[in-house]
Amino acid sequence: MAKFVYEANQKVEIDDRALHHLQVVMTTKLRRGEPFLFTWREDASVGGGRSSVWIHPGCNLVFKYAGGKVPELNRHWIEALAFTANAPSGLYLVREPETAAPERAAEHS
């Protein structure tokens, strides 16, 4: 499992593939100067519930992957995640659409 770390004090474990897609959406929004809310569900082992953080160009983010291989990107999943990021509720992880074939990660790096 990968880890997303916000400002060194908020951490959440996320699947490597999902985190890679979230990273693409987050960095795209930050490059555009668009702050947004990011929300995730907490694991029951840490009390459950959910956490939200305000992502802005000045915040410190760490995307730490468990594996060394860069997952292939699914453009449709990126679009679905970007749609949530642009909504008032902010970015949250949605299921990967099964209808589209993944694209090579090198094409999006």
N, C-alpha and C. Protein backbone atom coordinates (compact mmCIF):
# COMPACT_ATOMS: atom_id res chain seq x y z
N MET A 1 0.83 -1.19 0.00
CA MET A 1 0.00 0.00 0.00
C MET A 1 0.88 1.25 0.00
N ALA A 2 0.44 2.22 -0.76
CA ALA A 2 1.13 3.49 -0.84
C ALA A 2 0.62 4.39 0.29
N LYS A 3 1.29 5.52 0.48
CA LYS A 3 0.86 6.48 1.49
C LYS A 3 0.78 7.87 0.88
N PHE A 4 -0.28 8.58 1.23
CA PHE A 4 -0.41 10.00 0.92
C PHE A 4 -0.20 10.73 2.23
N VAL A 5 0.74 11.68 2.24
CA VAL A 5 1.05 12.43 3.45
C VAL A 5 0.83 13.91 3.17
N TYR A 6 0.06 14.55 4.06
CA TYR A 6 -0.25 15.97 3.93
C TYR A 6 0.36 16.70 5.12
N GLU A 7 1.22 17.67 4.85
CA GLU A 7 1.83 18.52 5.88
C GLU A 7 2.47 17.71 7.02
N ALA A 8 2.97 16.53 6.71
CA ALA A 8 3.71 15.66 7.64
C ALA A 8 2.88 15.13 8.80
N ASN A 9 1.61 15.52 8.94
CA ASN A 9 0.85 15.03 10.09
C ASN A 9 -0.43 14.27 9.72
N GLN A 10 -0.87 14.37 8.50
CA GLN A 10 -2.04 13.61 8.04
C GLN A 10 -1.56 12.56 7.06
N LYS A 11 -1.85 11.30 7.34
CA LYS A 11 -1.39 10.21 6.48
C LYS A 11 -2.54 9.25 6.23
N VAL A 12 -2.57 8.72 5.03
CA VAL A 12 -3.56 7.71 4.69
C VAL A 12 -2.93 6.71 3.73
N GLU A 13 -3.23 5.43 3.93
CA GLU A 13 -2.76 4.39 3.02
C GLU A 13 -3.76 4.26 1.88
N ILE A 14 -3.23 4.23 0.67
CA ILE A 14 -4.03 4.12 -0.55
C ILE A 14 -3.30 3.17 -1.48
N ASP A 15 -4.03 2.38 -2.21
CA ASP A 15 -3.46 1.49 -3.21
C ASP A 15 -2.55 2.28 -4.17
N ASP A 16 -1.41 1.71 -4.56
CA ASP A 16 -0.46 2.39 -5.45
C ASP A 16 -1.14 2.92 -6.72
N ARG A 17 -1.94 2.09 -7.35
CA ARG A 17 -2.59 2.50 -8.60
C ARG A 17 -3.54 3.67 -8.38
N ALA A 18 -4.33 3.60 -7.34
CA ALA A 18 -5.26 4.70 -7.03
C ALA A 18 -4.50 5.97 -6.69
N LEU A 19 -3.43 5.85 -5.90
CA LEU A 19 -2.67 7.04 -5.51
C LEU A 19 -2.03 7.70 -6.74
N HIS A 20 -1.57 6.90 -7.68
CA HIS A 20 -0.96 7.47 -8.88
C HIS A 20 -1.99 8.32 -9.65
N HIS A 21 -3.21 7.84 -9.73
CA HIS A 21 -4.27 8.60 -10.40
C HIS A 21 -4.63 9.86 -9.62
N LEU A 22 -4.69 9.74 -8.29
CA LEU A 22 -4.95 10.92 -7.46
C LEU A 22 -3.83 11.95 -7.62
N GLN A 23 -2.59 11.48 -7.69
CA GLN A 23 -1.45 12.38 -7.85
C GLN A 23 -1.56 13.17 -9.15
N VAL A 24 -1.95 12.52 -10.23
CA VAL A 24 -2.10 13.21 -11.51
C VAL A 24 -3.15 14.32 -11.39
N VAL A 25 -4.28 14.02 -10.78
CA VAL A 25 -5.35 15.01 -10.62
C VAL A 25 -4.90 16.15 -9.70
N MET A 26 -4.29 15.81 -8.58
CA MET A 26 -3.86 16.84 -7.62
C MET A 26 -2.81 17.77 -8.22
N THR A 27 -1.81 17.20 -8.85
CA THR A 27 -0.74 18.04 -9.39
C THR A 27 -1.23 18.90 -10.56
N THR A 28 -2.17 18.37 -11.33
CA THR A 28 -2.75 19.17 -12.42
C THR A 28 -3.48 20.38 -11.85
N LYS A 29 -4.29 20.16 -10.82
CA LYS A 29 -5.03 21.28 -10.22
C LYS A 29 -4.07 22.29 -9.58
N LEU A 30 -3.04 21.81 -8.92
CA LEU A 30 -2.10 22.71 -8.27
C LEU A 30 -1.29 23.51 -9.30
N ARG A 31 -0.94 22.89 -10.42
CA ARG A 31 -0.24 23.63 -11.48
C ARG A 31 -1.09 24.76 -12.02
N ARG A 32 -2.39 24.56 -12.00
CA ARG A 32 -3.33 25.59 -12.48
C ARG A 32 -3.66 26.62 -11.40
N GLY A 33 -3.12 26.43 -10.20
CA GLY A 33 -3.39 27.35 -9.10
C GLY A 33 -4.80 27.19 -8.54
N GLU A 34 -5.34 25.98 -8.61
CA GLU A 34 -6.70 25.71 -8.15
C GLU A 34 -6.69 24.91 -6.85
N PRO A 35 -6.88 25.55 -5.70
CA PRO A 35 -6.96 24.81 -4.45
C PRO A 35 -8.26 24.00 -4.40
N PHE A 36 -8.28 22.95 -3.58
CA PHE A 36 -9.45 22.08 -3.50
C PHE A 36 -9.41 21.28 -2.21
N LEU A 37 -10.53 20.71 -1.86
CA LEU A 37 -10.66 19.85 -0.69
C LEU A 37 -10.43 18.41 -1.12
N PHE A 38 -9.69 17.64 -0.31
CA PHE A 38 -9.50 16.21 -0.54
C PHE A 38 -10.00 15.47 0.68
N THR A 39 -10.90 14.52 0.47
CA THR A 39 -11.52 13.76 1.56
C THR A 39 -11.30 12.28 1.34
N TRP A 40 -11.04 11.55 2.43
CA TRP A 40 -10.90 10.10 2.36
C TRP A 40 -11.53 9.47 3.59
N ARG A 41 -11.87 8.19 3.45
CA ARG A 41 -12.40 7.42 4.58
C ARG A 41 -11.24 6.85 5.36
N GLU A 42 -11.33 6.95 6.67
CA GLU A 42 -10.29 6.39 7.55
C GLU A 42 -10.56 4.91 7.78
N ASP A 43 -9.52 4.15 7.94
CA ASP A 43 -9.62 2.74 8.23
C ASP A 43 -10.18 2.55 9.64
N ALA A 44 -10.89 1.46 9.84
CA ALA A 44 -11.45 1.16 11.16
C ALA A 44 -10.36 1.04 12.22
N SER A 45 -9.16 0.63 11.81
CA SER A 45 -8.05 0.47 12.77
C SER A 45 -7.62 1.80 13.40
N VAL A 46 -7.97 2.91 12.77
CA VAL A 46 -7.64 4.23 13.34
C VAL A 46 -8.90 4.98 13.76
N GLY A 47 -9.98 4.23 13.95
CA GLY A 47 -11.20 4.85 14.46
C GLY A 47 -12.29 5.09 13.44
N GLY A 48 -12.01 4.81 12.16
CA GLY A 48 -13.01 5.01 11.12
C GLY A 48 -13.28 6.48 10.85
N GLY A 49 -14.43 6.76 10.30
CA GLY A 49 -14.79 8.13 9.96
C GLY A 49 -14.15 8.58 8.67
N ARG A 50 -14.00 9.88 8.53
CA ARG A 50 -13.35 10.42 7.33
C ARG A 50 -12.53 11.64 7.71
N SER A 51 -11.60 11.97 6.86
CA SER A 51 -10.75 13.15 7.05
C SER A 51 -10.77 13.97 5.77
N SER A 52 -10.63 15.28 5.92
CA SER A 52 -10.54 16.18 4.77
C SER A 52 -9.41 17.16 5.01
N VAL A 53 -8.68 17.47 3.94
CA VAL A 53 -7.61 18.47 4.01
C VAL A 53 -7.78 19.44 2.85
N TRP A 54 -7.38 20.69 3.06
CA TRP A 54 -7.42 21.72 2.04
C TRP A 54 -6.09 21.68 1.29
N ILE A 55 -6.15 21.33 0.01
CA ILE A 55 -4.96 21.23 -0.82
C ILE A 55 -4.78 22.56 -1.55
N HIS A 56 -3.61 23.17 -1.39
CA HIS A 56 -3.32 24.46 -2.01
C HIS A 56 -1.85 24.47 -2.45
N PRO A 57 -1.47 25.42 -3.30
CA PRO A 57 -0.10 25.42 -3.83
C PRO A 57 1.01 25.47 -2.78
N GLY A 58 0.75 25.97 -1.58
CA GLY A 58 1.79 26.08 -0.57
C GLY A 58 1.89 24.90 0.37
N CYS A 59 1.03 23.90 0.23
CA CYS A 59 1.05 22.78 1.17
C CYS A 59 2.11 21.75 0.77
N ASN A 60 2.52 20.99 1.76
CA ASN A 60 3.51 19.93 1.53
C ASN A 60 2.81 18.60 1.35
N LEU A 61 3.01 17.99 0.19
CA LEU A 61 2.41 16.70 -0.13
C LEU A 61 3.50 15.68 -0.40
N VAL A 62 3.28 14.46 0.05
CA VAL A 62 4.20 13.36 -0.25
C VAL A 62 3.36 12.22 -0.78
N PHE A 63 3.77 11.67 -1.91
CA PHE A 63 3.16 10.49 -2.50
C PHE A 63 4.20 9.38 -2.40
N LYS A 64 4.03 8.47 -1.46
CA LYS A 64 5.03 7.41 -1.21
C LYS A 64 4.44 6.08 -1.66
N TYR A 65 5.10 5.47 -2.65
CA TYR A 65 4.61 4.24 -3.25
C TYR A 65 5.33 3.03 -2.69
N ALA A 66 4.59 1.94 -2.52
CA ALA A 66 5.17 0.70 -2.02
C ALA A 66 5.95 -0.02 -3.12
N GLY A 67 5.45 0.02 -4.34
CA GLY A 67 6.09 -0.67 -5.45
C GLY A 67 6.96 0.26 -6.27
N GLY A 68 7.85 -0.32 -7.05
CA GLY A 68 8.74 0.47 -7.88
C GLY A 68 8.22 0.72 -9.29
N LYS A 69 7.22 -0.04 -9.70
CA LYS A 69 6.67 0.08 -11.04
C LYS A 69 5.61 1.18 -11.08
N VAL A 70 5.67 2.03 -12.11
CA VAL A 70 4.67 3.09 -12.28
C VAL A 70 3.44 2.47 -12.92
N PRO A 71 2.29 2.57 -12.25
CA PRO A 71 1.07 1.98 -12.83
C PRO A 71 0.65 2.70 -14.11
N GLU A 72 0.00 1.96 -15.00
CA GLU A 72 -0.54 2.57 -16.21
C GLU A 72 -1.74 3.44 -15.82
N LEU A 73 -1.94 4.51 -16.58
CA LEU A 73 -3.03 5.43 -16.29
C LEU A 73 -4.28 5.10 -17.09
N ASN A 74 -5.41 5.32 -16.47
CA ASN A 74 -6.71 5.17 -17.10
C ASN A 74 -7.28 6.59 -17.23
N ARG A 75 -7.32 7.11 -18.43
CA ARG A 75 -7.79 8.48 -18.67
C ARG A 75 -9.20 8.70 -18.14
N HIS A 76 -10.04 7.69 -18.25
CA HIS A 76 -11.42 7.82 -17.79
C HIS A 76 -11.50 7.94 -16.27
N TRP A 77 -10.60 7.26 -15.57
CA TRP A 77 -10.55 7.37 -14.11
C TRP A 77 -10.06 8.76 -13.71
N ILE A 78 -9.05 9.25 -14.42
CA ILE A 78 -8.56 10.60 -14.14
C ILE A 78 -9.67 11.62 -14.34
N GLU A 79 -10.43 11.46 -15.42
CA GLU A 79 -11.55 12.38 -15.67
C GLU A 79 -12.60 12.31 -14.57
N ALA A 80 -12.90 11.11 -14.09
CA ALA A 80 -13.88 10.94 -13.02
C ALA A 80 -13.39 11.58 -11.72
N LEU A 81 -12.11 11.39 -11.41
CA LEU A 81 -11.54 12.01 -10.21
C LEU A 81 -11.50 13.53 -10.34
N ALA A 82 -11.13 14.03 -11.52
CA ALA A 82 -11.09 15.48 -11.74
C ALA A 82 -12.48 16.08 -11.61
N PHE A 83 -13.51 15.35 -12.03
CA PHE A 83 -14.88 15.84 -11.89
C PHE A 83 -15.21 16.06 -10.42
N THR A 84 -14.83 15.11 -9.54
CA THR A 84 -15.10 15.29 -8.11
C THR A 84 -14.29 16.45 -7.56
N ALA A 85 -13.05 16.60 -8.01
CA ALA A 85 -12.18 17.68 -7.51
C ALA A 85 -12.73 19.05 -7.85
N ASN A 86 -13.46 19.15 -8.96
CA ASN A 86 -14.03 20.43 -9.38
C ASN A 86 -15.40 20.70 -8.76
N ALA A 87 -15.95 19.74 -8.05
CA ALA A 87 -17.25 19.90 -7.40
C ALA A 87 -17.07 20.58 -6.03
N PRO A 88 -18.12 21.18 -5.50
CA PRO A 88 -18.03 21.83 -4.17
C PRO A 88 -17.59 20.88 -3.06
N SER A 89 -17.92 19.59 -3.18
CA SER A 89 -17.53 18.62 -2.14
C SER A 89 -16.05 18.27 -2.20
N GLY A 90 -15.39 18.53 -3.30
CA GLY A 90 -13.96 18.28 -3.43
C GLY A 90 -13.61 16.87 -3.89
N LEU A 91 -12.31 16.63 -4.00
CA LEU A 91 -11.78 15.37 -4.50
C LEU A 91 -11.97 14.24 -3.50
N TYR A 92 -12.43 13.12 -3.99
CA TYR A 92 -12.48 11.90 -3.20
C TYR A 92 -12.31 10.73 -4.17
N LEU A 93 -11.87 9.61 -3.64
CA LEU A 93 -11.57 8.44 -4.48
C LEU A 93 -12.86 7.78 -4.94
N VAL A 94 -13.00 7.63 -6.25
CA VAL A 94 -14.12 6.90 -6.84
C VAL A 94 -13.56 5.63 -7.47
N ARG A 95 -14.42 4.67 -7.71
CA ARG A 95 -13.98 3.40 -8.33
C ARG A 95 -13.48 3.64 -9.74
N GLU A 96 -12.52 2.83 -10.12
CA GLU A 96 -11.99 2.92 -11.48
C GLU A 96 -13.02 2.40 -12.48
N PRO A 97 -13.31 3.19 -13.53
CA PRO A 97 -14.21 2.69 -14.57
C PRO A 97 -13.60 1.46 -15.25
N GLU A 98 -14.41 0.47 -15.51
CA GLU A 98 -13.92 -0.78 -16.11
C GLU A 98 -14.02 -0.77 -17.62
N THR A 99 -14.59 0.25 -18.20
CA THR A 99 -14.87 0.25 -19.63
C THR A 99 -13.70 0.66 -20.50
N ALA A 100 -12.69 1.28 -19.95
CA ALA A 100 -11.59 1.80 -20.77
C ALA A 100 -10.30 1.05 -20.48
N ALA A 101 -9.50 0.88 -21.50
CA ALA A 101 -8.19 0.26 -21.33
C ALA A 101 -7.21 1.29 -20.79
N PRO A 102 -6.30 0.88 -19.92
CA PRO A 102 -5.30 1.81 -19.41
C PRO A 102 -4.38 2.33 -20.50
N GLU A 103 -3.86 3.53 -20.30
CA GLU A 103 -2.88 4.10 -21.22
C GLU A 103 -1.53 4.03 -20.57
N ARG A 104 -0.49 4.08 -21.34
CA ARG A 104 0.87 4.00 -20.80
C ARG A 104 1.17 5.22 -19.96
N ALA A 105 1.74 5.00 -18.77
CA ALA A 105 2.06 6.09 -17.84
C ALA A 105 3.04 7.08 -18.45
N ALA A 106 3.95 6.60 -19.28
CA ALA A 106 4.96 7.49 -19.88
C ALA A 106 4.32 8.57 -20.75
N GLU A 107 3.15 8.31 -21.28
CA GLU A 107 2.47 9.28 -22.11
C GLU A 107 1.91 10.44 -21.30
N HIS A 108 1.83 10.28 -19.97
CA HIS A 108 1.23 11.31 -19.11
C HIS A 108 2.24 11.89 -18.14
N SER A 109 3.46 11.51 -18.21
CA SER A 109 4.46 11.98 -17.24
C SER A 109 5.01 13.32 -17.64
